PDB file of all heavy atoms in Angstrom:
ATOM      1  N   LEU A   1      90.826 182.041 116.152  1.00  0.00           N
ATOM      2  CA  LEU A   1      91.161 182.316 114.763  1.00  0.00           C
ATOM      3  C   LEU A   1      90.473 183.607 114.332  1.00  0.00           C
ATOM      4  O   LEU A   1      89.265 183.779 114.543  1.00  0.00           O
ATOM      5  CB  LEU A   1      90.697 181.148 113.886  1.00  0.00           C
ATOM      6  CG  LEU A   1      90.829 181.318 112.377  1.00  0.00           C
ATOM      7  CD1 LEU A   1      92.289 181.443 111.972  1.00  0.00           C
ATOM      8  CD2 LEU A   1      90.162 180.149 111.657  1.00  0.00           C
ATOM      9  N   VAL A   2      91.243 184.494 113.731  1.00  0.00           N
ATOM     10  CA  VAL A   2      90.700 185.783 113.304  1.00  0.00           C
ATOM     11  C   VAL A   2      91.343 186.167 111.987  1.00  0.00           C
ATOM     12  O   VAL A   2      92.497 185.785 111.714  1.00  0.00           O
ATOM     13  CB  VAL A   2      90.935 186.859 114.384  1.00  0.00           C
ATOM     14  CG1 VAL A   2      92.408 187.117 114.606  1.00  0.00           C
ATOM     15  CG2 VAL A   2      90.182 188.138 114.078  1.00  0.00           C
ATOM     16  N   GLN A   3      90.621 186.915 111.175  1.00  0.00           N
ATOM     17  CA  GLN A   3      91.194 187.405 109.928  1.00  0.00           C
ATOM     18  C   GLN A   3      92.093 188.601 110.181  1.00  0.00           C
ATOM     19  O   GLN A   3      91.930 189.321 111.171  1.00  0.00           O
ATOM     20  CB  GLN A   3      90.087 187.797 108.960  1.00  0.00           C
ATOM     21  CG  GLN A   3      89.317 186.611 108.388  1.00  0.00           C
ATOM     22  CD  GLN A   3      88.362 187.030 107.297  1.00  0.00           C
ATOM     23  OE1 GLN A   3      87.876 188.159 107.261  1.00  0.00           O
ATOM     24  NE2 GLN A   3      88.075 186.113 106.387  1.00  0.00           N
ATOM     25  N   ALA A   4      93.023 188.807 109.291  1.00  0.00           N
ATOM     26  CA  ALA A   4      93.904 189.969 109.375  1.00  0.00           C
ATOM     27  C   ALA A   4      93.069 191.242 109.454  1.00  0.00           C
ATOM     28  O   ALA A   4      92.070 191.384 108.746  1.00  0.00           O
ATOM     29  CB  ALA A   4      94.829 190.015 108.182  1.00  0.00           C
ATOM     30  N   GLY A   5      93.491 192.139 110.328  1.00  0.00           N
ATOM     31  CA  GLY A   5      92.750 193.367 110.558  1.00  0.00           C
ATOM     32  C   GLY A   5      91.741 193.269 111.689  1.00  0.00           C
ATOM     33  O   GLY A   5      91.208 194.295 112.134  1.00  0.00           O
ATOM     34  N   GLY A   6      91.502 192.069 112.161  1.00  0.00           N
ATOM     35  CA  GLY A   6      90.539 191.850 113.227  1.00  0.00           C
ATOM     36  C   GLY A   6      91.115 192.079 114.614  1.00  0.00           C
ATOM     37  O   GLY A   6      92.271 192.507 114.759  1.00  0.00           O
ATOM     38  N   SER A   7      90.302 191.786 115.612  1.00  0.00           N
ATOM     39  CA  SER A   7      90.672 192.024 117.009  1.00  0.00           C
ATOM     40  C   SER A   7      90.366 190.802 117.866  1.00  0.00           C
ATOM     41  O   SER A   7      89.456 190.026 117.556  1.00  0.00           O
ATOM     42  CB  SER A   7      89.903 193.219 117.578  1.00  0.00           C
ATOM     43  OG  SER A   7      90.188 194.402 116.876  1.00  0.00           O
ATOM     44  N   LEU A   8      91.155 190.666 118.914  1.00  0.00           N
ATOM     45  CA  LEU A   8      90.909 189.681 119.960  1.00  0.00           C
ATOM     46  C   LEU A   8      91.271 190.301 121.294  1.00  0.00           C
ATOM     47  O   LEU A   8      92.145 191.173 121.361  1.00  0.00           O
ATOM     48  CB  LEU A   8      91.744 188.415 119.748  1.00  0.00           C
ATOM     49  CG  LEU A   8      91.305 187.413 118.687  1.00  0.00           C
ATOM     50  CD1 LEU A   8      92.369 186.316 118.551  1.00  0.00           C
ATOM     51  CD2 LEU A   8      89.966 186.809 119.006  1.00  0.00           C
ATOM     52  N   ARG A   9      90.646 189.791 122.348  1.00  0.00           N
ATOM     53  CA  ARG A   9      90.984 190.214 123.702  1.00  0.00           C
ATOM     54  C   ARG A   9      91.338 188.986 124.518  1.00  0.00           C
ATOM     55  O   ARG A   9      90.507 188.113 124.722  1.00  0.00           O
ATOM     56  CB  ARG A   9      89.833 190.943 124.365  1.00  0.00           C
ATOM     57  CG  ARG A   9      90.173 191.557 125.707  1.00  0.00           C
ATOM     58  CD  ARG A   9      88.909 191.919 126.441  1.00  0.00           C
ATOM     59  NE  ARG A   9      89.132 192.837 127.554  1.00  0.00           N
ATOM     60  CZ  ARG A   9      88.298 192.951 128.579  1.00  0.00           C
ATOM     61  NH1 ARG A   9      87.185 192.234 128.624  1.00  0.00           N
ATOM     62  NH2 ARG A   9      88.548 193.812 129.551  1.00  0.00           N
ATOM     63  N   LEU A  10      92.580 188.942 124.973  1.00  0.00           N
ATOM     64  CA  LEU A  10      93.028 187.849 125.823  1.00  0.00           C
ATOM     65  C   LEU A  10      92.858 188.229 127.292  1.00  0.00           C
ATOM     66  O   LEU A  10      93.020 189.393 127.658  1.00  0.00           O
ATOM     67  CB  LEU A  10      94.491 187.521 125.558  1.00  0.00           C
ATOM     68  CG  LEU A  10      94.880 187.209 124.118  1.00  0.00           C
ATOM     69  CD1 LEU A  10      96.367 186.830 124.051  1.00  0.00           C
ATOM     70  CD2 LEU A  10      94.011 186.130 123.526  1.00  0.00           C
ATOM     71  N   SER A  11      92.545 187.237 128.092  1.00  0.00           N
ATOM     72  CA  SER A  11      92.433 187.420 129.536  1.00  0.00           C
ATOM     73  C   SER A  11      93.339 186.425 130.246  1.00  0.00           C
ATOM     74  O   SER A  11      93.557 185.318 129.746  1.00  0.00           O
ATOM     75  CB  SER A  11      90.995 187.208 130.004  1.00  0.00           C
ATOM     76  OG  SER A  11      90.105 188.114 129.399  1.00  0.00           O
ATOM     77  N   CYS A  12      93.833 186.827 131.396  1.00  0.00           N
ATOM     78  CA  CYS A  12      94.637 185.935 132.233  1.00  0.00           C
ATOM     79  C   CYS A  12      94.167 186.110 133.669  1.00  0.00           C
ATOM     80  O   CYS A  12      94.396 187.165 134.265  1.00  0.00           O
ATOM     81  CB  CYS A  12      96.110 186.257 132.106  1.00  0.00           C
ATOM     82  SG  CYS A  12      97.162 185.356 133.277  1.00  0.00           S
ATOM     83  N   ALA A  13      93.522 185.082 134.182  1.00  0.00           N
ATOM     84  CA  ALA A  13      93.025 185.110 135.551  1.00  0.00           C
ATOM     85  C   ALA A  13      94.048 184.479 136.485  1.00  0.00           C
ATOM     86  O   ALA A  13      94.502 183.353 136.252  1.00  0.00           O
ATOM     87  CB  ALA A  13      91.703 184.355 135.633  1.00  0.00           C
ATOM     88  N   ALA A  14      94.422 185.208 137.517  1.00  0.00           N
ATOM     89  CA  ALA A  14      95.450 184.758 138.456  1.00  0.00           C
ATOM     90  C   ALA A  14      94.842 184.372 139.794  1.00  0.00           C
ATOM     91  O   ALA A  14      93.843 184.959 140.223  1.00  0.00           O
ATOM     92  CB  ALA A  14      96.482 185.862 138.663  1.00  0.00           C
ATOM     93  N   SER A  15      95.456 183.398 140.425  1.00  0.00           N
ATOM     94  CA  SER A  15      95.043 182.989 141.760  1.00  0.00           C
ATOM     95  C   SER A  15      96.259 182.517 142.537  1.00  0.00           C
ATOM     96  O   SER A  15      97.302 182.210 141.957  1.00  0.00           O
ATOM     97  CB  SER A  15      94.001 181.870 141.687  1.00  0.00           C
ATOM     98  OG  SER A  15      94.536 180.723 141.048  1.00  0.00           O
ATOM     99  N   GLY A  16      96.120 182.510 143.851  1.00  0.00           N
ATOM    100  CA  GLY A  16      97.184 181.998 144.699  1.00  0.00           C
ATOM    101  C   GLY A  16      98.274 182.994 145.024  1.00  0.00           C
ATOM    102  O   GLY A  16      99.350 182.617 145.493  1.00  0.00           O
ATOM    103  N   MET A  17      98.033 184.282 144.772  1.00  0.00           N
ATOM    104  CA  MET A  17      99.040 185.295 145.079  1.00  0.00           C
ATOM    105  C   MET A  17      98.337 186.635 145.279  1.00  0.00           C
ATOM    106  O   MET A  17      97.154 186.776 145.003  1.00  0.00           O
ATOM    107  CB  MET A  17     100.023 185.422 143.919  1.00  0.00           C
ATOM    108  CG  MET A  17      99.366 185.878 142.634  1.00  0.00           C
ATOM    109  SD  MET A  17     100.528 186.168 141.314  1.00  0.00           S
ATOM    110  CE  MET A  17      99.443 186.620 139.996  1.00  0.00           C
ATOM    111  N   ILE A  18      99.118 187.616 145.756  1.00  0.00           N
ATOM    112  CA  ILE A  18      98.585 188.965 145.888  1.00  0.00           C
ATOM    113  C   ILE A  18      98.778 189.654 144.541  1.00  0.00           C
ATOM    114  O   ILE A  18      99.829 190.256 144.276  1.00  0.00           O
ATOM    115  CB  ILE A  18      99.270 189.732 147.020  1.00  0.00           C
ATOM    116  CG1 ILE A  18      99.138 188.943 148.328  1.00  0.00           C
ATOM    117  CG2 ILE A  18      98.652 191.115 147.162  1.00  0.00           C
ATOM    118  CD1 ILE A  18      99.892 189.559 149.487  1.00  0.00           C
ATOM    119  N   PHE A  19      97.788 189.527 143.694  1.00  0.00           N
ATOM    120  CA  PHE A  19      97.887 189.943 142.301  1.00  0.00           C
ATOM    121  C   PHE A  19      98.305 191.401 142.180  1.00  0.00           C
ATOM    122  O   PHE A  19      99.176 191.724 141.362  1.00  0.00           O
ATOM    123  CB  PHE A  19      96.538 189.715 141.624  1.00  0.00           C
ATOM    124  CG  PHE A  19      96.461 190.170 140.199  1.00  0.00           C
ATOM    125  CD1 PHE A  19      96.982 189.399 139.177  1.00  0.00           C
ATOM    126  CD2 PHE A  19      95.883 191.386 139.865  1.00  0.00           C
ATOM    127  CE1 PHE A  19      96.916 189.814 137.852  1.00  0.00           C
ATOM    128  CE2 PHE A  19      95.800 191.810 138.558  1.00  0.00           C
ATOM    129  CZ  PHE A  19      96.322 191.027 137.549  1.00  0.00           C
ATOM    130  N   ARG A  20      97.721 192.266 142.972  1.00  0.00           N
ATOM    131  CA  ARG A  20      97.918 193.714 142.780  1.00  0.00           C
ATOM    132  C   ARG A  20      99.375 194.149 143.021  1.00  0.00           C
ATOM    133  O   ARG A  20      99.772 195.221 142.591  1.00  0.00           O
ATOM    134  CB  ARG A  20      96.999 194.495 143.707  1.00  0.00           C
ATOM    135  CG  ARG A  20      97.287 194.317 145.183  1.00  0.00           C
ATOM    136  CD  ARG A  20      96.358 195.131 146.049  1.00  0.00           C
ATOM    137  NE  ARG A  20      96.650 194.976 147.466  1.00  0.00           N
ATOM    138  CZ  ARG A  20      96.150 194.024 148.223  1.00  0.00           C
ATOM    139  NH1 ARG A  20      95.314 193.144 147.699  1.00  0.00           N
ATOM    140  NH2 ARG A  20      96.462 193.950 149.500  1.00  0.00           N
ATOM    141  N   ASP A  21     100.153 193.330 143.693  1.00  0.00           N
ATOM    142  CA  ASP A  21     101.529 193.698 144.030  1.00  0.00           C
ATOM    143  C   ASP A  21     102.534 193.359 142.934  1.00  0.00           C
ATOM    144  O   ASP A  21     103.704 193.733 143.033  1.00  0.00           O
ATOM    145  CB  ASP A  21     101.961 192.989 145.313  1.00  0.00           C
ATOM    146  CG  ASP A  21     101.266 193.520 146.548  1.00  0.00           C
ATOM    147  OD1 ASP A  21     100.635 194.585 146.463  1.00  0.00           O
ATOM    148  OD2 ASP A  21     101.351 192.856 147.593  1.00  0.00           O
ATOM    149  N   ASN A  22     102.103 192.623 141.925  1.00  0.00           N
ATOM    150  CA  ASN A  22     103.042 192.070 140.961  1.00  0.00           C
ATOM    151  C   ASN A  22     102.912 192.653 139.560  1.00  0.00           C
ATOM    152  O   ASN A  22     101.809 192.884 139.066  1.00  0.00           O
ATOM    153  CB  ASN A  22     102.848 190.558 140.865  1.00  0.00           C
ATOM    154  CG  ASN A  22     103.223 189.863 142.140  1.00  0.00           C
ATOM    155  OD1 ASN A  22     104.376 189.891 142.562  1.00  0.00           O
ATOM    156  ND2 ASN A  22     102.243 189.249 142.783  1.00  0.00           N
ATOM    157  N   THR A  23     104.062 192.863 138.928  1.00  0.00           N
ATOM    158  CA  THR A  23     104.096 193.163 137.505  1.00  0.00           C
ATOM    159  C   THR A  23     103.652 191.920 136.734  1.00  0.00           C
ATOM    160  O   THR A  23     104.032 190.792 137.076  1.00  0.00           O
ATOM    161  CB  THR A  23     105.501 193.568 137.058  1.00  0.00           C
ATOM    162  OG1 THR A  23     105.847 194.798 137.698  1.00  0.00           O
ATOM    163  CG2 THR A  23     105.589 193.743 135.556  1.00  0.00           C
ATOM    164  N   MET A  24     102.833 192.147 135.719  1.00  0.00           N
ATOM    165  CA  MET A  24     102.343 191.058 134.867  1.00  0.00           C
ATOM    166  C   MET A  24     102.755 191.315 133.429  1.00  0.00           C
ATOM    167  O   MET A  24     102.954 192.463 133.015  1.00  0.00           O
ATOM    168  CB  MET A  24     100.822 190.968 134.950  1.00  0.00           C
ATOM    169  CG  MET A  24     100.276 190.708 136.351  1.00  0.00           C
ATOM    170  SD  MET A  24     100.741 189.087 136.981  1.00  0.00           S
ATOM    171  CE  MET A  24      99.904 188.015 135.811  1.00  0.00           C
ATOM    172  N   GLY A  25     102.887 190.234 132.681  1.00  0.00           N
ATOM    173  CA  GLY A  25     103.289 190.392 131.291  1.00  0.00           C
ATOM    174  C   GLY A  25     102.630 189.388 130.376  1.00  0.00           C
ATOM    175  O   GLY A  25     102.076 188.383 130.827  1.00  0.00           O
ATOM    176  N   TRP A  26     102.667 189.719 129.092  1.00  0.00           N
ATOM    177  CA  TRP A  26     102.250 188.804 128.034  1.00  0.00           C
ATOM    178  C   TRP A  26     103.458 188.536 127.140  1.00  0.00           C
ATOM    179  O   TRP A  26     104.172 189.470 126.756  1.00  0.00           O
ATOM    180  CB  TRP A  26     101.124 189.390 127.196  1.00  0.00           C
ATOM    181  CG  TRP A  26      99.795 189.409 127.862  1.00  0.00           C
ATOM    182  CD1 TRP A  26      99.219 190.442 128.530  1.00  0.00           C
ATOM    183  CD2 TRP A  26      98.854 188.334 127.922  1.00  0.00           C
ATOM    184  NE1 TRP A  26      97.992 190.076 129.003  1.00  0.00           N
ATOM    185  CE2 TRP A  26      97.738 188.781 128.641  1.00  0.00           C
ATOM    186  CE3 TRP A  26      98.857 187.025 127.446  1.00  0.00           C
ATOM    187  CZ2 TRP A  26      96.612 187.979 128.895  1.00  0.00           C
ATOM    188  CZ3 TRP A  26      97.755 186.215 127.687  1.00  0.00           C
ATOM    189  CH2 TRP A  26      96.649 186.689 128.405  1.00  0.00           C
ATOM    190  N   TYR A  27     103.671 187.276 126.843  1.00  0.00           N
ATOM    191  CA  TYR A  27     104.702 186.840 125.911  1.00  0.00           C
ATOM    192  C   TYR A  27     104.023 186.040 124.795  1.00  0.00           C
ATOM    193  O   TYR A  27     102.877 185.614 124.936  1.00  0.00           O
ATOM    194  CB  TYR A  27     105.722 185.933 126.619  1.00  0.00           C
ATOM    195  CG  TYR A  27     106.654 186.659 127.557  1.00  0.00           C
ATOM    196  CD1 TYR A  27     106.216 187.155 128.775  1.00  0.00           C
ATOM    197  CD2 TYR A  27     108.000 186.835 127.218  1.00  0.00           C
ATOM    198  CE1 TYR A  27     107.087 187.816 129.641  1.00  0.00           C
ATOM    199  CE2 TYR A  27     108.874 187.490 128.067  1.00  0.00           C
ATOM    200  CZ  TYR A  27     108.416 187.973 129.279  1.00  0.00           C
ATOM    201  OH  TYR A  27     109.281 188.621 130.125  1.00  0.00           O
ATOM    202  N   ARG A  28     104.761 185.816 123.726  1.00  0.00           N
ATOM    203  CA  ARG A  28     104.236 184.971 122.668  1.00  0.00           C
ATOM    204  C   ARG A  28     105.356 184.164 122.024  1.00  0.00           C
ATOM    205  O   ARG A  28     106.514 184.567 122.047  1.00  0.00           O
ATOM    206  CB  ARG A  28     103.510 185.785 121.599  1.00  0.00           C
ATOM    207  CG  ARG A  28     104.399 186.708 120.798  1.00  0.00           C
ATOM    208  CD  ARG A  28     103.551 187.561 119.848  1.00  0.00           C
ATOM    209  NE  ARG A  28     104.371 188.447 119.027  1.00  0.00           N
ATOM    210  CZ  ARG A  28     103.873 189.382 118.220  1.00  0.00           C
ATOM    211  NH1 ARG A  28     102.552 189.550 118.118  1.00  0.00           N
ATOM    212  NH2 ARG A  28     104.684 190.138 117.498  1.00  0.00           N
ATOM    213  N   GLN A  29     104.972 183.039 121.455  1.00  0.00           N
ATOM    214  CA  GLN A  29     105.926 182.191 120.751  1.00  0.00           C
ATOM    215  C   GLN A  29     105.281 181.737 119.452  1.00  0.00           C
ATOM    216  O   GLN A  29     104.330 180.950 119.469  1.00  0.00           O
ATOM    217  CB  GLN A  29     106.330 180.989 121.606  1.00  0.00           C
ATOM    218  CG  GLN A  29     107.452 180.176 120.978  1.00  0.00           C
ATOM    219  CD  GLN A  29     108.091 179.209 121.966  1.00  0.00           C
ATOM    220  OE1 GLN A  29     107.568 178.957 123.053  1.00  0.00           O
ATOM    221  NE2 GLN A  29     109.239 178.680 121.600  1.00  0.00           N
ATOM    222  N   GLY A  30     105.807 182.268 118.355  1.00  0.00           N
ATOM    223  CA  GLY A  30     105.315 181.897 117.041  1.00  0.00           C
ATOM    224  C   GLY A  30     105.951 180.610 116.552  1.00  0.00           C
ATOM    225  O   GLY A  30     106.947 180.140 117.125  1.00  0.00           O
ATOM    226  N   PRO A  31     105.417 180.053 115.480  1.00  0.00           N
ATOM    227  CA  PRO A  31     105.952 178.792 114.930  1.00  0.00           C
ATOM    228  C   PRO A  31     107.429 178.928 114.569  1.00  0.00           C
ATOM    229  O   PRO A  31     107.805 179.825 113.808  1.00  0.00           O
ATOM    230  CB  PRO A  31     105.094 178.565 113.684  1.00  0.00           C
ATOM    231  CG  PRO A  31     103.865 179.367 113.905  1.00  0.00           C
ATOM    232  CD  PRO A  31     104.274 180.546 114.719  1.00  0.00           C
ATOM    233  N   GLY A  32     108.250 178.081 115.138  1.00  0.00           N
ATOM    234  CA  GLY A  32     109.673 178.099 114.847  1.00  0.00           C
ATOM    235  C   GLY A  32     110.429 179.275 115.414  1.00  0.00           C
ATOM    236  O   GLY A  32     111.571 179.526 115.016  1.00  0.00           O
TER     237      GLY A  32
END
């Protein structure tokens, strides 16, 4: 939870694959 104007840093740790070979992405799904 953050106030408007603030910052957050998300991380995604991957395992079980050759990470460096793959394109990665972030998606989001808001309410409704």
